[in-house]
C-alpha atoms as a PDB file:
ATOM      1  CA  MET A   1      22.875  73.437 -94.525  1.00  0.00           C
ATOM      2  CA  ASP A   2      21.006  70.658 -91.686  1.00  0.00           C
ATOM      3  CA  ILE A   3      18.995  68.811 -93.644  1.00  0.00           C
ATOM      4  CA  LYS A   4      23.198  67.567 -95.706  1.00  0.00           C
ATOM      5  CA  TRP A   5      23.971  66.789 -92.581  1.00  0.00           C
ATOM      6  CA  LEU A   6      20.776  64.815 -91.053  1.00  0.00           C
ATOM      7  CA  ILE A   7      21.753  62.769 -94.716  1.00  0.00           C
ATOM      8  CA  VAL A   8      25.130  62.132 -94.477  1.00  0.00           C
ATOM      9  CA  VAL A   9      24.500  60.932 -91.472  1.00  0.00           C
ATOM     10  CA  VAL A  10      21.796  58.513 -92.136  1.00  0.00           C
ATOM     11  CA  VAL A  11      23.568  57.397 -95.746  1.00  0.00           C
ATOM     12  CA  VAL A  12      26.588  56.717 -93.046  1.00  0.00           C
ATOM     13  CA  LEU A  13      25.031  54.968 -90.660  1.00  0.00           C
ATOM     14  CA  SER A  14      23.192  52.863 -93.258  1.00  0.00           C
ATOM     15  CA  LEU A  15      26.395  51.656 -94.431  1.00  0.00           C
ATOM     16  CA  VAL A  16      27.486  50.818 -90.781  1.00  0.00           C
ATOM     17  CA  GLY A  17      24.546  48.903 -90.488  1.00  0.00           C
ATOM     18  CA  SER A  18      25.246  47.275 -93.893  1.00  0.00           C
ATOM     19  CA  VAL A  19      28.373  46.717 -92.845  1.00  0.00           C
ATOM     20  CA  ALA A  20      27.405  45.057 -89.512  1.00  0.00           C
ATOM     21  CA  TRP A  21      24.642  42.986 -90.737  1.00  0.00           C
ATOM     22  CA  VAL A  22      26.534  40.325 -92.907  1.00  0.00           C
ATOM     23  CA  MET A  23      29.775  40.602 -90.259  1.00  0.00           C
ATOM     24  CA  PRO A  24      29.366  36.800 -88.890  1.00  0.00           C
ATOM     25  CA  THR A  25      28.418  36.435 -85.119  1.00  0.00           C
ATOM     26  CA  PRO A  26      31.066  35.108 -82.590  1.00  0.00           C
ATOM     27  CA  LEU A  27      29.073  31.868 -82.742  1.00  0.00           C
ATOM     28  CA  GLN A  28      28.784  32.038 -86.409  1.00  0.00           C
ATOM     29  CA  ARG A  29      32.834  32.489 -86.018  1.00  0.00           C
ATOM     30  CA  ALA A  30      33.442  29.255 -83.782  1.00  0.00           C
ATOM     31  CA  GLN A  31      31.169  27.434 -85.806  1.00  0.00           C
ATOM     32  CA  ALA A  32      33.588  28.173 -88.385  1.00  0.00           C
ATOM     33  CA  ILE A  33      36.821  27.308 -86.481  1.00  0.00           C
ATOM     34  CA  ILE A  34      34.989  24.103 -85.182  1.00  0.00           C
ATOM     35  CA  ARG A  35      34.401  22.676 -89.344  1.00  0.00           C
ATOM     36  CA  GLN A  36      37.361  23.838 -90.473  1.00  0.00           C
ATOM     37  CA  LEU A  37      38.800  21.309 -87.563  1.00  0.00           C
ATOM     38  CA  ALA A  38      36.496  18.687 -88.102  1.00  0.00           C
ATOM     39  CA  MET A  39      37.044  18.953 -92.582  1.00  0.00           C
ATOM     40  CA  SER A  40      41.069  18.600 -91.555  1.00  0.00           C
ATOM     41  CA  LYS A  41      39.984  15.279 -89.411  1.00  0.00           C
ATOM     42  CA  GLY A  42      38.722  14.305 -92.573  1.00  0.00           C
ATOM     43  CA  LEU A  43      35.258  14.533 -91.117  1.00  0.00           C
ATOM     44  CA  GLN A  44      31.903  15.217 -93.129  1.00  0.00           C
ATOM     45  CA  VAL A  45      30.262  18.828 -92.590  1.00  0.00           C
ATOM     46  CA  LYS A  46      26.301  19.093 -93.526  1.00  0.00           C
ATOM     47  CA  VAL A  47      23.754  21.033 -93.617  1.00  0.00           C
ATOM     48  CA  SER A  48      20.245  19.023 -93.994  1.00  0.00           C
ATOM     49  CA  LYS A  49      16.394  18.794 -93.165  1.00  0.00           C
ATOM     50  CA  LEU A  50      15.776  16.217 -90.333  1.00  0.00           C
ATOM     51  CA  GLN A  51      12.872  14.605 -88.973  1.00  0.00           C
ATOM     52  CA  GLY A  52      13.014  14.102 -85.138  1.00  0.00           C
ATOM     53  CA  PRO A  53      10.666  11.525 -83.728  1.00  0.00           C
ATOM     54  CA  ARG A  54       7.578  11.745 -82.300  1.00  0.00           C
ATOM     55  CA  GLU A  55       7.525  12.874 -78.525  1.00  0.00           C
ATOM     56  CA  VAL A  56       5.078  12.626 -75.765  1.00  0.00           C
ATOM     57  CA  GLY A  57       2.223  15.052 -76.165  1.00  0.00           C
ATOM     58  CA  GLU A  58       3.086  15.798 -79.922  1.00  0.00           C
ATOM     59  CA  ILE A  59       0.505  14.669 -82.723  1.00  0.00           C
ATOM     60  CA  ALA A  60       4.033  15.109 -85.326  1.00  0.00           C
ATOM     61  CA  PRO A  61       7.595  15.388 -85.337  1.00  0.00           C
ATOM     62  CA  GLU A  62       8.832  18.213 -85.748  1.00  0.00           C
ATOM     63  CA  SER A  63      11.523  18.560 -89.489  1.00  0.00           C
ATOM     64  CA  TYR A  64      14.369  21.596 -89.065  1.00  0.00           C
ATOM     65  CA  LEU A  65      17.856  22.262 -90.815  1.00  0.00           C
ATOM     66  CA  ALA A  66      20.444  20.502 -88.501  1.00  0.00           C
ATOM     67  CA  THR A  67      23.932  20.556 -88.655  1.00  0.00           C
ATOM     68  CA  SER A  68      25.949  16.938 -89.177  1.00  0.00           C
ATOM     69  CA  TYR A  69      29.286  15.743 -88.986  1.00  0.00           C
ATOM     70  CA  GLY A  70      29.952  12.229 -90.208  1.00  0.00           C
ATOM     71  CA  LEU A  71      32.143   9.676 -91.680  1.00  0.00           C
ATOM     72  CA  PRO A  72      31.489   7.248 -94.799  1.00  0.00           C
ATOM     73  CA  ARG A  73      30.799   3.705 -93.966  1.00  0.00           C
ATOM     74  CA  THR A  74      33.192   0.975 -94.956  1.00  0.00           C
ATOM     75  CA  LYS A  75      32.720  -2.108 -96.720  1.00  0.00           C
ATOM     76  CA  PRO A  76      32.729  -4.960 -94.577  1.00  0.00           C
ATOM     77  CA  GLN A  77      35.352  -7.290 -93.988  1.00  0.00           C
ATOM     78  CA  ARG A  78      35.013 -11.068 -94.649  1.00  0.00           C
ATOM     79  CA  GLY A  79      35.194 -12.959 -91.522  1.00  0.00           C
ATOM     80  CA  VAL A  80      34.524 -10.244 -88.962  1.00  0.00           C
ATOM     81  CA  ARG A  81      32.056 -10.448 -86.497  1.00  0.00           C
ATOM     82  CA  PRO A  82      29.264  -7.799 -87.054  1.00  0.00           C
ATOM     83  CA  ASN A  83      29.268  -5.016 -84.650  1.00  0.00           C
ATOM     84  CA  LEU A  84      27.283  -1.463 -85.095  1.00  0.00           C
ATOM     85  CA  ALA A  85      28.513  -0.529 -88.235  1.00  0.00           C
ATOM     86  CA  ALA A  86      29.357  -3.716 -90.152  1.00  0.00           C
ATOM     87  CA  SER A  87      26.204  -5.264 -91.606  1.00  0.00           C
ATOM     88  CA  LYS A  88      25.550  -2.433 -94.540  1.00  0.00           C
ATOM     89  CA  ARG A  89      21.915  -3.372 -94.285  1.00  0.00           C
ATOM     90  CA  VAL A  90      21.446  -2.131 -90.640  1.00  0.00           C
ATOM     91  CA  THR A  91      19.945   1.559 -90.627  1.00  0.00           C
ATOM     92  CA  TRP A  92      19.213   3.398 -87.322  1.00  0.00           C
ATOM     93  CA  GLU A  93      17.723   6.761 -85.601  1.00  0.00           C
ATOM     94  CA  VAL A  94      18.280   8.084 -82.126  1.00  0.00           C
ATOM     95  CA  PHE A  95      17.994  11.534 -80.613  1.00  0.00           C
ATOM     96  CA  LYS A  96      18.362  12.702 -77.241  1.00  0.00           C
ATOM     97  CA  ALA A  97      14.520  13.608 -76.627  1.00  0.00           C
ATOM     98  CA  ALA A  98      11.134  12.207 -74.684  1.00  0.00           C
ATOM     99  CA  GLY A  99      10.177  10.545 -77.404  1.00  0.00           C
ATOM    100  CA  LEU A 100       7.817   7.284 -77.287  1.00  0.00           C
ATOM    101  CA  ASN A 101      10.658   4.633 -78.195  1.00  0.00           C
ATOM    102  CA  THR A 102      13.249   3.998 -75.614  1.00  0.00           C
ATOM    103  CA  GLN A 103      13.509   0.213 -75.516  1.00  0.00           C
ATOM    104  CA  GLY A 104      17.295  -0.514 -74.945  1.00  0.00           C
ATOM    105  CA  LEU A 105      18.625   3.202 -75.163  1.00  0.00           C
ATOM    106  CA  PRO A 106      19.574   5.232 -71.880  1.00  0.00           C
ATOM    107  CA  GLN A 107      17.634   7.552 -70.085  1.00  0.00           C
ATOM    108  CA  GLY A 108      17.057  10.377 -72.395  1.00  0.00           C
ATOM    109  CA  TRP A 109      16.907   8.897 -75.430  1.00  0.00           C
ATOM    110  CA  CYS A 110      14.709   7.333 -77.705  1.00  0.00           C
ATOM    111  CA  TRP A 111      14.402   6.163 -81.057  1.00  0.00           C
ATOM    112  CA  ASN A 112      13.338   7.600 -84.194  1.00  0.00           C
ATOM    113  CA  ARG A 113      13.798   4.919 -86.737  1.00  0.00           C
ATOM    114  CA  GLY A 114      15.637   1.096 -86.450  1.00  0.00           C
ATOM    115  CA  GLU A 115      14.189  -0.084 -82.815  1.00  0.00           C
ATOM    116  CA  GLY A 116      14.939  -3.602 -82.944  1.00  0.00           C
ATOM    117  CA  ALA A 117      17.953  -3.418 -85.311  1.00  0.00           C
ATOM    118  CA  LEU A 118      20.416  -4.216 -83.117  1.00  0.00           C
ATOM    119  CA  LYS A 119      21.187  -7.409 -81.013  1.00  0.00           C
ATOM    120  CA  SER A 120      21.457  -6.493 -77.099  1.00  0.00           C
ATOM    121  CA  HIS A 121      25.780  -6.292 -77.243  1.00  0.00           C
ATOM    122  CA  GLN A 122      25.237  -3.511 -79.798  1.00  0.00           C
ATOM    123  CA  LEU A 123      22.366  -1.677 -77.803  1.00  0.00           C
ATOM    124  CA  GLU A 124      25.765  -2.366 -74.591  1.00  0.00           C
ATOM    125  CA  GLN A 125      27.686  -0.921 -77.209  1.00  0.00           C
ATOM    126  CA  LEU A 126      25.911   2.221 -78.353  1.00  0.00           C
ATOM    127  CA  THR A 127      24.908   3.103 -74.847  1.00  0.00           C
ATOM    128  CA  LEU A 128      28.640   3.486 -73.856  1.00  0.00           C
ATOM    129  CA  LEU A 129      29.248   5.120 -76.603  1.00  0.00           C
ATOM    130  CA  LEU A 130      26.212   7.718 -76.458  1.00  0.00           C
ATOM    131  CA  GLU A 131      27.920   8.759 -73.154  1.00  0.00           C
ATOM    132  CA  GLN A 132      30.845   9.775 -74.585  1.00  0.00           C
ATOM    133  CA  LEU A 133      29.436  12.533 -77.113  1.00  0.00           C
ATOM    134  CA  PRO A 134      29.489  15.873 -76.329  1.00  0.00           C
ATOM    135  CA  GLY A 135      26.450  17.239 -74.334  1.00  0.00           C
ATOM    136  CA  ASP A 136      25.419  19.568 -77.298  1.00  0.00           C
ATOM    137  CA  VAL A 137      24.695  15.842 -79.762  1.00  0.00           C
ATOM    138  CA  TYR A 138      21.281  15.604 -80.425  1.00  0.00           C
ATOM    139  CA  ALA A 139      21.107  12.955 -82.687  1.00  0.00           C
ATOM    140  CA  LEU A 140      22.831   9.940 -83.948  1.00  0.00           C
ATOM    141  CA  SER A 141      22.015   8.565 -87.340  1.00  0.00           C
ATOM    142  CA  VAL A 142      23.422   5.206 -89.286  1.00  0.00           C
ATOM    143  CA  ASN A 143      22.744   4.206 -92.785  1.00  0.00           C
ATOM    144  CA  PRO A 144      24.141   2.059 -95.409  1.00  0.00           C
ATOM    145  CA  VAL A 145      26.205   5.424 -97.018  1.00  0.00           C
ATOM    146  CA  ALA A 146      27.403   7.195 -93.516  1.00  0.00           C
ATOM    147  CA  VAL A 147      27.360   7.376 -89.717  1.00  0.00           C
ATOM    148  CA  GLN A 148      26.659  11.028 -88.375  1.00  0.00           C
ATOM    149  CA  ALA A 149      26.136  12.889 -85.327  1.00  0.00           C
ATOM    150  CA  TYR A 150      23.508  15.943 -85.543  1.00  0.00           C
ATOM    151  CA  TRP A 151      24.657  18.791 -82.378  1.00  0.00           C
ATOM    152  CA  TYR A 152      24.572  22.596 -82.286  1.00  0.00           C
ATOM    153  CA  GLU A 153      28.397  23.019 -82.846  1.00  0.00           C
ATOM    154  CA  ARG A 154      29.035  24.758 -79.628  1.00  0.00           C
ATOM    155  CA  ALA A 155      32.442  22.876 -78.729  1.00  0.00           C
ATOM    156  CA  THR A 156      35.535  22.959 -78.116  1.00  0.00           C
ATOM    157  CA  PRO A 157      38.658  21.094 -79.830  1.00  0.00           C
ATOM    158  CA  ALA A 158      38.545  18.279 -77.203  1.00  0.00           C
ATOM    159  CA  GLU A 159      34.904  17.933 -77.812  1.00  0.00           C
ATOM    160  CA  LEU A 160      35.151  17.849 -81.331  1.00  0.00           C
ATOM    161  CA  ASP A 161      37.610  15.097 -80.408  1.00  0.00           C
ATOM    162  CA  ALA A 162      35.228  12.638 -78.031  1.00  0.00           C
ATOM    163  CA  LEU A 163      33.312  13.191 -81.565  1.00  0.00           C
ATOM    164  CA  GLU A 164      35.160  11.944 -83.805  1.00  0.00           C
ATOM    165  CA  THR A 165      36.296   8.591 -81.438  1.00  0.00           C
ATOM    166  CA  VAL A 166      32.766   7.550 -81.501  1.00  0.00           C
ATOM    167  CA  LEU A 167      31.775   8.407 -85.657  1.00  0.00           C
ATOM    168  CA  LYS A 168      34.985   6.245 -85.607  1.00  0.00           C
ATOM    169  CA  ALA A 169      33.923   3.602 -83.554  1.00  0.00           C
ATOM    170  CA  LEU A 170      30.352   3.169 -85.099  1.00  0.00           C
ATOM    171  CA  VAL A 171      32.127   3.077 -89.017  1.00  0.00           C
ATOM    172  CA  GLY A 172      35.231   0.404 -87.245  1.00  0.00           C
ATOM    173  CA  ASP A 173      35.553  -2.665 -85.581  1.00  0.00           C
ATOM    174  CA  LEU A 174      35.147  -1.714 -82.298  1.00  0.00           C
END
């Protein structure tokens, strides 16, 4: 009789463990809420492979899966003076890291690509935008297709609003 109860307990624990394993964690639930809110605001949420900059003391940069929130770039209007986003040829990427290439960026940020693509007034504009980003944003990327911010998604709706404001500033006329 005791063996039957032991088997029943093992089976029940196995079922409970399987259900608990597939249930989202509190962090995953919070990320899902932020992602749904972002998509309702028109932001594109993507998970893709990202290669970071070469940092001080590293031989090769690391590559990992990253979550980005982005907006598509709009076609520049005729007669509008180029800002950070207006030229479709401008491509750049900055990281919050101890990288080797920091020219023109605030402390704690470095170029991954595109150094020299922005003029001094655009760098000043970028510096102001970087200060407005939520604390867990670790990269910004502008390419001919979209503007993207990479972050850890440990955010409140207010921080999502700040991120949206920065992204809109990068794709629109400031």
